[in-house]
Amino acid sequence: MRIELHRDYRFEAAHRLPRLPDGHKCKRLHGHSFRVAVELAGEVDEATGFLLDFADVDRVVDPVIAELDHQYLNELPGLDNPTSEILAVWLWRRLRPTLAQLVSVTVAETCDSRCVYRGA
């Protein structure tokens, strides 16, 4: 039986988008209550009844989210221009080696703006 799992995470962080034109509000330092969703898909293990235990997903994702929480994202390696798009790819690259079932990473920086990355 093929199934999809979705797990949501949150973190607070500040950033600025230095490549935007002068006067753009996002070029200035500001913060967000970021939301991250990971989607996994695959076959359910008949013995456990799980694709993956949510606790096992958390063991992989929580330390990566902790790297971002209450940070100035521009100071982190690979995030000198931390758009939602770049952040989604940054997260994918850290999660995919351990979560083979990863299908997508969604990053939302506001309640009505989000980006979905499905790997390359």
Protein backbone atom coordinates (compact mmCIF):
# COMPACT_ATOMS: atom_id res chain seq x y z
CA MET A 1 0.00 0.00 0.00
CA ARG A 2 1.51 3.34 -1.08
CA ILE A 3 1.07 6.25 1.34
CA GLU A 4 2.11 9.89 1.77
CA LEU A 5 3.15 11.40 5.10
CA HIS A 6 3.27 15.09 5.87
CA ARG A 7 5.02 16.54 8.92
CA ASP A 8 5.10 20.23 9.88
CA TYR A 9 7.82 22.18 11.68
CA ARG A 10 8.29 25.81 12.73
CA PHE A 11 11.16 28.12 13.45
CA GLU A 12 11.76 31.82 13.99
CA ALA A 13 14.53 33.58 12.12
CA ALA A 14 15.68 36.87 10.67
CA HIS A 15 17.00 37.48 7.17
CA ARG A 16 17.42 40.03 4.46
CA LEU A 17 17.45 39.55 0.72
CA PRO A 18 20.52 41.48 -0.41
CA ARG A 19 20.04 40.98 -4.15
CA LEU A 20 16.79 42.94 -4.30
CA PRO A 21 16.75 46.55 -5.49
CA ASP A 22 17.22 49.37 -3.01
CA GLY A 23 13.91 50.36 -1.48
CA HIS A 24 12.41 46.84 -1.60
CA LYS A 25 11.07 46.03 1.88
CA CYS A 26 12.64 42.56 1.90
CA LYS A 27 16.12 43.96 1.34
CA ARG A 28 15.94 45.30 4.90
CA LEU A 29 16.54 43.08 7.90
CA HIS A 30 13.27 41.46 9.03
CA GLY A 31 12.02 38.24 10.58
CA HIS A 32 9.47 35.52 9.99
CA SER A 33 7.77 32.70 11.80
CA PHE A 34 8.77 30.14 9.18
CA ARG A 35 6.79 26.96 8.62
CA VAL A 36 8.37 23.93 6.99
CA ALA A 37 6.49 20.87 5.76
CA VAL A 38 8.18 17.67 4.70
CA GLU A 39 6.35 15.18 2.53
CA LEU A 40 7.42 11.56 2.36
CA ALA A 41 5.97 8.77 0.23
CA GLY A 42 6.42 5.06 -0.18
CA GLU A 43 5.14 1.64 0.71
CA VAL A 44 3.81 0.88 4.17
CA ASP A 45 5.84 -1.72 6.05
CA GLU A 46 3.48 -4.62 6.69
CA ALA A 47 5.15 -5.49 9.99
CA THR A 48 4.91 -2.01 11.54
CA GLY A 49 1.99 -0.52 9.63
CA PHE A 50 4.15 2.60 9.05
CA LEU A 51 5.90 4.18 6.14
CA LEU A 52 8.06 5.81 8.81
CA ASP A 53 7.43 6.49 12.46
CA PHE A 54 6.91 10.25 12.93
CA ALA A 55 9.43 10.09 15.79
CA ASP A 56 12.06 8.81 13.34
CA VAL A 57 11.27 11.68 10.96
CA ASP A 58 11.62 14.14 13.85
CA ARG A 59 15.04 12.70 14.75
CA VAL A 60 16.25 13.68 11.27
CA VAL A 61 14.42 16.98 10.80
CA ASP A 62 14.56 18.53 14.30
CA PRO A 63 18.37 19.04 14.35
CA VAL A 64 18.25 20.72 10.94
CA ILE A 65 15.44 23.02 12.06
CA ALA A 66 17.45 23.79 15.22
CA GLU A 67 20.28 25.06 12.98
CA LEU A 68 17.86 27.71 11.66
CA ASP A 69 15.84 28.62 14.75
CA HIS A 70 16.50 32.12 16.13
CA GLN A 71 19.33 32.68 13.68
CA TYR A 72 20.22 35.38 11.20
CA LEU A 73 19.91 33.16 8.13
CA ASN A 74 22.29 35.22 5.97
CA GLU A 75 25.15 34.17 8.26
CA LEU A 76 24.67 30.44 7.66
CA PRO A 77 26.76 28.73 4.96
CA GLY A 78 24.77 28.51 1.73
CA LEU A 79 22.17 31.05 2.84
CA ASP A 80 23.75 34.40 1.96
CA ASN A 81 20.59 35.16 -0.08
CA PRO A 82 17.99 33.19 1.93
CA THR A 83 14.89 33.33 -0.24
CA SER A 84 12.19 30.73 0.42
CA GLU A 85 13.33 28.97 -2.74
CA ILE A 86 16.96 28.74 -1.64
CA LEU A 87 15.95 27.75 1.88
CA ALA A 88 13.77 24.90 0.54
CA VAL A 89 16.70 23.53 -1.49
CA TRP A 90 19.06 24.00 1.50
CA LEU A 91 16.70 21.92 3.65
CA TRP A 92 16.26 19.25 0.95
CA ARG A 93 20.02 18.78 0.65
CA ARG A 94 20.32 18.17 4.39
CA LEU A 95 17.30 15.89 4.75
CA ARG A 96 17.34 13.77 1.58
CA PRO A 97 20.51 11.76 2.38
CA THR A 98 18.82 10.36 5.50
CA LEU A 99 15.16 10.45 4.41
CA ALA A 100 15.13 8.43 1.19
CA GLN A 101 11.32 8.68 1.07
CA LEU A 102 11.43 12.51 0.92
CA VAL A 103 9.20 13.85 -1.86
CA SER A 104 9.05 17.57 -1.14
CA VAL A 105 10.01 20.35 1.23
CA THR A 106 7.67 23.33 1.60
CA VAL A 107 8.83 26.60 3.16
CA ALA A 108 6.27 29.24 4.17
CA GLU A 109 7.48 32.57 5.43
CA THR A 110 4.03 34.09 5.81
CA CYS A 111 0.54 32.65 6.17
CA ASP A 112 -0.14 33.13 2.45
CA SER A 113 3.28 32.68 0.78
CA ARG A 114 5.12 29.40 0.38
CA CYS A 115 7.53 27.57 -1.87
CA VAL A 116 7.60 23.84 -2.66
CA TYR A 117 10.78 22.03 -3.75
CA ARG A 118 10.56 18.48 -5.08
CA GLY A 119 14.22 17.72 -5.61
CA ALA A 120 16.34 17.63 -8.69
